[in-house]
Amino acid sequence: MILSAGAQLKSHSIYDDYDMDTSVGTVVQNPKNPAMWGIRNEDKANWTYEKADGTQLPVAPGRTAGIALGIRINFGECLGSIE
C-alpha cells in the first residue's frame, strides 16, 4: 500500500474480511511538526510498533505510530513494514 496524506487502512486489509468501509487507521501529519507523519490507530485493539533497533511500543487506539524507514507495525492480524 502506498502511504499518502489521508490514506486509510481499511478493515479488509488488516483482518482479511469483507468490510471495505471501516477505517482502522489513517495517515496523518504531526500538527506540531509537519515534517513528521504517522498512522493513527482508529481500531479497537492496540497495535505494536517496532523501531528499527527492535524496541517495541504499544500504540493504543487514538494514538499514532510514526512512519520511518525500518519500522514494523503489528496490527494483530498482520504485520506491516516501512522499507
N, C-alpha and C. Protein backbone atom coordinates (compact mmCIF):
# COMPACT_ATOMS: atom_id res chain seq x y z
N MET A 1 0.84 -1.18 0.00
CA MET A 1 0.00 0.00 0.00
C MET A 1 0.88 1.24 0.00
N ILE A 2 0.51 2.22 -0.78
CA ILE A 2 1.23 3.49 -0.80
C ILE A 2 0.62 4.39 0.27
N LEU A 3 1.47 4.95 1.12
CA LEU A 3 1.00 5.83 2.19
C LEU A 3 1.07 7.28 1.72
N SER A 4 -0.06 7.94 1.74
CA SER A 4 -0.11 9.36 1.38
C SER A 4 -1.05 10.05 2.36
N ALA A 5 -1.01 11.36 2.40
CA ALA A 5 -1.83 12.14 3.34
C ALA A 5 -3.29 11.70 3.25
N GLY A 6 -3.86 11.34 4.38
CA GLY A 6 -5.27 10.97 4.44
C GLY A 6 -5.58 9.55 4.03
N ALA A 7 -4.58 8.79 3.55
CA ALA A 7 -4.82 7.40 3.16
C ALA A 7 -5.37 6.62 4.36
N GLN A 8 -6.31 5.74 4.09
CA GLN A 8 -6.93 4.97 5.16
C GLN A 8 -6.62 3.49 5.02
N LEU A 9 -6.31 2.87 6.16
CA LEU A 9 -6.18 1.42 6.22
C LEU A 9 -7.57 0.89 6.53
N LYS A 10 -8.09 0.07 5.67
CA LYS A 10 -9.44 -0.47 5.85
C LYS A 10 -9.38 -1.83 6.54
N SER A 11 -10.45 -2.17 7.21
CA SER A 11 -10.55 -3.42 7.93
C SER A 11 -10.18 -4.62 7.06
N HIS A 12 -10.64 -4.63 5.81
CA HIS A 12 -10.38 -5.79 4.95
C HIS A 12 -8.89 -5.99 4.69
N SER A 13 -8.10 -4.92 4.75
CA SER A 13 -6.66 -5.04 4.53
C SER A 13 -5.94 -5.62 5.75
N ILE A 14 -6.47 -5.36 6.92
CA ILE A 14 -5.86 -5.81 8.17
C ILE A 14 -6.40 -7.17 8.60
N TYR A 15 -7.71 -7.33 8.54
CA TYR A 15 -8.35 -8.54 9.07
C TYR A 15 -8.77 -9.54 8.01
N ASP A 16 -8.49 -9.24 6.74
CA ASP A 16 -8.83 -10.15 5.64
C ASP A 16 -10.32 -10.51 5.68
N ASP A 17 -11.15 -9.48 5.94
CA ASP A 17 -12.59 -9.68 5.96
C ASP A 17 -13.20 -8.95 4.76
N TYR A 18 -14.50 -8.83 4.73
CA TYR A 18 -15.17 -8.18 3.59
C TYR A 18 -15.64 -6.77 3.92
N ASP A 19 -15.12 -6.20 5.01
CA ASP A 19 -15.51 -4.85 5.42
C ASP A 19 -14.65 -3.82 4.71
N MET A 20 -15.18 -3.29 3.61
CA MET A 20 -14.44 -2.32 2.81
C MET A 20 -14.69 -0.88 3.28
N ASP A 21 -15.55 -0.69 4.28
CA ASP A 21 -15.94 0.65 4.72
C ASP A 21 -15.25 1.11 6.00
N THR A 22 -15.00 0.20 6.92
CA THR A 22 -14.47 0.58 8.23
C THR A 22 -12.98 0.90 8.15
N SER A 23 -12.62 2.10 8.59
CA SER A 23 -11.23 2.52 8.65
C SER A 23 -10.65 2.11 9.99
N VAL A 24 -9.48 1.46 9.98
CA VAL A 24 -8.80 1.11 11.22
C VAL A 24 -7.55 1.95 11.44
N GLY A 25 -7.22 2.79 10.46
CA GLY A 25 -6.06 3.67 10.58
C GLY A 25 -6.06 4.71 9.47
N THR A 26 -5.48 5.87 9.78
CA THR A 26 -5.38 6.95 8.79
C THR A 26 -3.99 7.57 8.86
N VAL A 27 -3.43 7.86 7.68
CA VAL A 27 -2.13 8.55 7.62
C VAL A 27 -2.36 10.02 7.96
N VAL A 28 -1.65 10.49 8.98
CA VAL A 28 -1.83 11.86 9.46
C VAL A 28 -0.48 12.56 9.61
N GLN A 29 -0.54 13.89 9.59
CA GLN A 29 0.64 14.73 9.77
C GLN A 29 0.68 15.18 11.23
N ASN A 30 1.86 15.24 11.80
CA ASN A 30 2.03 15.71 13.17
C ASN A 30 1.73 17.22 13.20
N PRO A 31 0.74 17.66 13.99
CA PRO A 31 0.39 19.08 14.00
C PRO A 31 1.50 19.99 14.54
N LYS A 32 2.38 19.44 15.37
CA LYS A 32 3.47 20.25 15.93
C LYS A 32 4.72 20.22 15.06
N ASN A 33 4.83 19.21 14.21
CA ASN A 33 5.98 19.09 13.31
C ASN A 33 5.48 18.53 11.98
N PRO A 34 5.09 19.39 11.04
CA PRO A 34 4.52 18.95 9.77
C PRO A 34 5.43 18.05 8.92
N ALA A 35 6.71 17.97 9.26
CA ALA A 35 7.61 17.09 8.53
C ALA A 35 7.46 15.63 8.98
N MET A 36 6.77 15.42 10.09
CA MET A 36 6.59 14.07 10.63
C MET A 36 5.20 13.54 10.28
N TRP A 37 5.15 12.27 9.88
CA TRP A 37 3.91 11.61 9.51
C TRP A 37 3.75 10.34 10.31
N GLY A 38 2.52 9.88 10.44
CA GLY A 38 2.26 8.64 11.16
C GLY A 38 0.94 8.03 10.74
N ILE A 39 0.65 6.87 11.33
CA ILE A 39 -0.63 6.19 11.10
C ILE A 39 -1.37 6.19 12.42
N ARG A 40 -2.51 6.90 12.47
CA ARG A 40 -3.32 6.97 13.68
C ARG A 40 -4.15 5.69 13.81
N ASN A 41 -4.07 5.07 14.98
CA ASN A 41 -4.81 3.85 15.26
C ASN A 41 -6.28 4.20 15.51
N GLU A 42 -7.15 3.79 14.59
CA GLU A 42 -8.58 4.00 14.73
C GLU A 42 -9.30 2.68 14.95
N ASP A 43 -8.53 1.67 15.31
CA ASP A 43 -9.06 0.34 15.56
C ASP A 43 -9.51 0.24 17.03
N LYS A 44 -10.05 -0.90 17.41
CA LYS A 44 -10.46 -1.13 18.80
C LYS A 44 -9.34 -1.76 19.61
N ALA A 45 -8.32 -2.27 18.93
CA ALA A 45 -7.24 -3.00 19.58
C ALA A 45 -5.93 -2.22 19.53
N ASN A 46 -5.05 -2.53 20.48
CA ASN A 46 -3.70 -1.96 20.46
C ASN A 46 -2.91 -2.55 19.31
N TRP A 47 -2.00 -1.76 18.75
CA TRP A 47 -1.02 -2.24 17.80
C TRP A 47 0.32 -2.29 18.53
N THR A 48 1.28 -2.97 17.95
CA THR A 48 2.64 -2.97 18.49
C THR A 48 3.57 -2.35 17.45
N TYR A 49 4.25 -1.28 17.85
CA TYR A 49 5.18 -0.54 17.00
C TYR A 49 6.57 -1.03 17.31
N GLU A 50 7.30 -1.48 16.30
CA GLU A 50 8.66 -1.95 16.50
C GLU A 50 9.63 -1.03 15.76
N LYS A 51 10.49 -0.38 16.54
CA LYS A 51 11.51 0.51 15.96
C LYS A 51 12.57 -0.33 15.24
N ALA A 52 13.37 0.33 14.43
CA ALA A 52 14.43 -0.35 13.68
C ALA A 52 15.41 -1.07 14.61
N ASP A 53 15.58 -0.58 15.85
CA ASP A 53 16.50 -1.21 16.80
C ASP A 53 15.87 -2.37 17.57
N GLY A 54 14.59 -2.68 17.26
CA GLY A 54 13.89 -3.79 17.91
C GLY A 54 13.04 -3.40 19.10
N THR A 55 13.16 -2.18 19.57
CA THR A 55 12.34 -1.70 20.69
C THR A 55 10.87 -1.74 20.29
N GLN A 56 10.04 -2.27 21.18
CA GLN A 56 8.60 -2.37 20.89
C GLN A 56 7.82 -1.44 21.81
N LEU A 57 6.81 -0.78 21.22
CA LEU A 57 5.96 0.15 21.96
C LEU A 57 4.51 -0.13 21.60
N PRO A 58 3.59 -0.05 22.58
CA PRO A 58 2.17 -0.20 22.25
C PRO A 58 1.63 1.07 21.59
N VAL A 59 0.69 0.90 20.68
CA VAL A 59 0.00 2.03 20.04
C VAL A 59 -1.48 1.83 20.33
N ALA A 60 -1.97 2.53 21.35
CA ALA A 60 -3.37 2.40 21.76
C ALA A 60 -4.29 3.10 20.74
N PRO A 61 -5.55 2.71 20.71
CA PRO A 61 -6.50 3.42 19.85
C PRO A 61 -6.46 4.92 20.13
N GLY A 62 -6.44 5.71 19.05
CA GLY A 62 -6.35 7.16 19.18
C GLY A 62 -4.93 7.69 19.13
N ARG A 63 -3.96 6.82 19.32
CA ARG A 63 -2.54 7.22 19.27
C ARG A 63 -2.00 7.00 17.86
N THR A 64 -0.82 7.53 17.59
CA THR A 64 -0.24 7.47 16.26
C THR A 64 1.11 6.77 16.27
N ALA A 65 1.32 5.90 15.26
CA ALA A 65 2.59 5.22 15.06
C ALA A 65 3.37 5.99 13.99
N GLY A 66 4.53 6.48 14.34
CA GLY A 66 5.34 7.26 13.40
C GLY A 66 5.79 6.45 12.20
N ILE A 67 5.81 7.09 11.05
CA ILE A 67 6.29 6.44 9.83
C ILE A 67 7.76 6.77 9.66
N ALA A 68 8.59 5.72 9.63
CA ALA A 68 10.04 5.89 9.45
C ALA A 68 10.60 4.61 8.82
N LEU A 69 11.68 4.76 8.11
CA LEU A 69 12.31 3.59 7.49
C LEU A 69 12.71 2.57 8.55
N GLY A 70 12.44 1.31 8.26
CA GLY A 70 12.87 0.23 9.13
C GLY A 70 11.90 -0.14 10.24
N ILE A 71 10.78 0.59 10.38
CA ILE A 71 9.84 0.24 11.46
C ILE A 71 8.89 -0.84 10.97
N ARG A 72 8.28 -1.52 11.96
CA ARG A 72 7.24 -2.51 11.67
C ARG A 72 6.08 -2.24 12.61
N ILE A 73 4.87 -2.49 12.14
CA ILE A 73 3.69 -2.36 12.97
C ILE A 73 2.94 -3.69 12.94
N ASN A 74 2.76 -4.26 14.12
CA ASN A 74 1.96 -5.47 14.24
C ASN A 74 0.53 -5.03 14.52
N PHE A 75 -0.35 -5.23 13.55
CA PHE A 75 -1.74 -4.82 13.67
C PHE A 75 -2.59 -5.89 14.38
N GLY A 76 -1.96 -6.98 14.78
CA GLY A 76 -2.68 -8.06 15.45
C GLY A 76 -2.93 -9.22 14.50
N GLU A 77 -3.50 -8.93 13.36
CA GLU A 77 -3.80 -9.95 12.36
C GLU A 77 -2.75 -9.99 11.25
N CYS A 78 -2.01 -8.91 11.11
CA CYS A 78 -0.98 -8.85 10.07
C CYS A 78 0.13 -7.92 10.51
N LEU A 79 1.24 -7.99 9.80
CA LEU A 79 2.41 -7.19 10.11
C LEU A 79 2.71 -6.29 8.93
N GLY A 80 2.92 -4.99 9.21
CA GLY A 80 3.28 -4.04 8.17
C GLY A 80 4.68 -3.54 8.40
N SER A 81 5.37 -3.19 7.33
CA SER A 81 6.73 -2.65 7.48
C SER A 81 6.93 -1.49 6.52
N ILE A 82 7.80 -0.57 6.91
CA ILE A 82 8.17 0.57 6.08
C ILE A 82 9.57 0.31 5.57
N GLU A 83 9.71 0.21 4.27
CA GLU A 83 11.01 -0.10 3.67
C GLU A 83 11.45 1.01 2.76
